[in-house]
Protein backbone atom coordinates (compact mmCIF):
# COMPACT_ATOMS: atom_id res chain seq x y z
CA MET A 1 0.10 -0.08 0.02
CA THR A 2 1.32 3.62 -1.01
CA LYS A 3 2.32 5.65 2.06
CA ARG A 4 0.11 8.66 1.96
CA ILE A 5 0.31 12.17 3.59
CA GLY A 6 -1.68 12.05 6.84
CA LEU A 7 -4.43 14.45 6.58
CA GLY A 8 -4.20 14.44 10.48
CA HIS A 9 -1.37 16.44 10.63
CA ALA A 10 -2.98 19.89 9.79
CA PRO A 11 -3.67 20.31 13.50
CA GLU A 12 -6.01 23.36 13.16
CA ILE A 13 -8.29 21.20 10.49
CA TYR A 14 -7.97 18.44 12.87
CA LYS A 15 -8.89 20.00 16.10
CA ALA A 16 -11.96 21.63 14.56
CA MET A 17 -13.06 17.98 13.45
CA ALA A 18 -12.78 16.73 17.08
CA ASN A 19 -14.44 19.64 18.41
CA VAL A 20 -17.26 18.75 15.67
CA GLN A 21 -16.98 15.28 17.31
CA ALA A 22 -17.30 16.66 20.87
CA GLU A 23 -20.51 18.92 19.72
CA VAL A 24 -22.06 15.81 18.14
CA ASP A 25 -21.63 13.82 21.19
CA LYS A 26 -22.69 16.27 23.65
CA ALA A 27 -25.99 16.84 21.56
CA ALA A 28 -26.63 13.05 21.53
CA ALA A 29 -26.34 12.87 25.40
CA ASN A 30 -28.34 15.94 25.80
CA ALA A 31 -30.95 14.61 23.88
CA GLY A 32 -30.96 11.21 25.70
CA VAL A 33 -29.57 9.25 22.70
CA ASP A 34 -27.91 5.78 23.78
CA GLN A 35 -24.28 5.80 23.10
CA LYS A 36 -24.17 2.70 21.88
CA LEU A 37 -26.76 3.24 19.27
CA MET A 38 -24.08 5.97 18.08
CA GLU A 39 -21.46 3.57 18.36
CA LEU A 40 -23.36 1.37 15.64
CA VAL A 41 -24.00 4.56 13.33
CA LYS A 42 -20.24 4.70 13.14
CA MET A 43 -19.44 1.15 12.94
CA ARG A 44 -22.23 0.77 10.12
CA ALA A 45 -20.89 3.98 7.95
CA SER A 46 -17.34 2.70 8.42
CA GLN A 47 -18.50 -0.72 7.00
CA LEU A 48 -19.94 0.73 4.29
CA ASN A 49 -16.96 3.23 3.63
CA GLY A 50 -14.41 0.33 4.11
CA CYS A 51 -12.58 2.26 6.80
CA ALA A 52 -10.67 -0.43 8.95
CA PHE A 53 -9.40 2.10 10.77
CA CYS A 54 -12.60 3.63 12.09
CA LEU A 55 -14.01 -0.16 12.38
CA ASP A 56 -11.16 -0.89 14.70
CA MET A 57 -11.55 1.64 16.82
CA HIS A 58 -15.28 1.83 17.12
CA SER A 59 -15.15 -1.90 17.51
CA ARG A 60 -13.52 -1.80 20.61
CA GLU A 61 -15.01 1.45 21.92
CA THR A 62 -18.63 -0.24 21.28
CA LEU A 63 -17.57 -3.40 22.99
CA GLU A 64 -16.15 -1.60 25.88
CA LEU A 65 -19.49 0.20 26.04
CA GLY A 66 -21.11 -3.45 26.84
CA GLU A 67 -22.14 -4.04 23.43
CA SER A 68 -22.74 -7.59 22.18
CA PRO A 69 -20.19 -8.92 19.95
CA ARG A 70 -23.02 -10.99 18.18
CA ARG A 71 -24.58 -7.80 17.33
CA LEU A 72 -21.36 -6.63 15.86
CA PHE A 73 -20.84 -9.67 13.93
CA VAL A 74 -23.88 -9.25 12.13
CA LEU A 75 -24.47 -5.20 12.17
CA ASP A 76 -23.63 -5.70 8.24
CA GLY A 77 -26.84 -8.07 7.86
CA TRP A 78 -28.97 -6.25 10.59
CA ARG A 79 -32.36 -6.14 8.41
CA GLU A 80 -32.02 -9.91 8.38
CA THR A 81 -32.27 -10.00 12.47
CA THR A 82 -34.32 -9.14 15.51
CA LEU A 83 -31.10 -8.05 17.40
CA PHE A 84 -31.95 -4.24 16.61
CA THR A 85 -34.33 -1.80 18.35
CA GLU A 86 -36.61 0.19 16.53
CA GLN A 87 -34.79 3.30 17.22
CA GLU A 88 -31.28 1.57 16.30
CA GLN A 89 -33.08 0.03 13.05
CA ALA A 90 -34.19 3.58 12.29
CA ALA A 91 -30.34 4.94 13.04
CA LEU A 92 -28.93 2.45 10.87
CA ALA A 93 -31.29 2.65 7.60
CA LEU A 94 -30.74 6.72 7.96
CA THR A 95 -26.66 5.97 8.02
CA GLU A 96 -26.92 3.98 5.21
CA ALA A 97 -29.06 6.14 3.11
CA MET A 98 -26.77 9.14 4.15
CA THR A 99 -23.27 7.45 3.60
CA ARG A 100 -24.97 6.57 -0.19
CA LEU A 101 -25.79 9.92 -1.16
CA ALA A 102 -23.69 9.59 -4.11
CA ALA A 103 -25.67 6.76 -5.22
CA THR A 104 -28.85 7.72 -4.04
CA GLN A 105 -29.17 11.75 -4.28
CA SER A 106 -31.57 11.38 -1.29
CA VAL A 107 -32.62 10.25 1.91
CA PRO A 108 -35.79 8.23 0.86
CA ASP A 109 -38.78 9.67 2.36
CA ASP A 110 -39.52 6.43 3.99
CA VAL A 111 -36.59 6.59 5.74
CA TYR A 112 -36.86 9.56 7.11
CA ASP A 113 -40.37 9.32 8.07
CA GLU A 114 -39.53 6.16 10.30
CA ALA A 115 -36.49 8.37 11.93
CA VAL A 116 -38.45 11.27 13.02
CA ARG A 117 -41.16 8.48 14.25
CA VAL A 118 -38.95 6.73 16.58
CA PHE A 119 -36.53 10.08 17.60
CA THR A 120 -37.37 13.46 18.97
CA GLU A 121 -36.48 16.29 16.78
CA ASP A 122 -33.04 16.79 18.76
CA GLN A 123 -32.32 13.05 18.70
CA TYR A 124 -32.83 12.66 15.05
CA ARG A 125 -30.19 15.80 14.40
CA ALA A 126 -27.72 14.25 16.62
CA VAL A 127 -27.97 10.62 14.88
CA ALA A 128 -27.63 12.60 11.33
CA TRP A 129 -24.61 14.71 12.49
CA GLN A 130 -23.05 11.67 13.72
CA VAL A 131 -23.61 10.40 10.36
CA ILE A 132 -21.84 13.11 9.22
CA ALA A 133 -18.99 13.43 11.28
CA ILE A 134 -18.07 9.75 11.45
CA ASN A 135 -18.24 9.96 7.09
CA SER A 136 -15.71 12.97 7.59
CA TRP A 137 -13.47 10.89 9.48
CA ASN A 138 -14.03 8.04 7.30
CA ARG A 139 -12.98 9.92 4.73
CA VAL A 140 -9.48 11.29 6.54
CA ALA A 141 -8.66 8.06 7.33
CA VAL A 142 -9.27 6.20 4.20
CA THR A 143 -7.63 8.73 2.11
CA SER A 144 -4.29 8.83 4.34
CA HIS A 145 -4.29 5.12 4.47
CA SER A 146 -4.30 5.61 8.58
CA PRO A 147 -2.84 1.99 9.59
CA LEU A 148 -4.24 0.49 12.48
CA PRO A 149 -2.61 0.95 15.95
CA LYS A 150 -0.17 -1.66 17.55
CA ARG A 151 -2.06 -3.61 19.80
CA ASP A 152 -2.42 -7.45 21.24
CA ALA A 153 -5.42 -9.00 19.67
């Protein structure tokens, strides 16, 4: 793999991205969005974007929050299971629609309608901003060929 210029080495821009992420996390907490749901959003977008760095980081963080390994293992096929709550399903569908905008050019009305049915306005905003944030982080890591950190297993 070709070594790339690391986009994280632009401290002012990286700090601004980190500040956006911190605001998203704060908005989610203030709106009462479960932290594990927000991590599932990060995981699903990172799967779609093929971001190994983010998948590695967020799978570890999600497990540390007490998420079931089984749910992470089947996340890519979430529609075929009954393992995810109504809110999680709506968040995952929204994540997929927003992440695939280049192909779909829209968030379908049924996806939006379900999301606003199960989330308050503030919760919806927090989830949507999480999708925006993780897609941005994925683009930083994938474009930079960010290596996985060294650690045991």
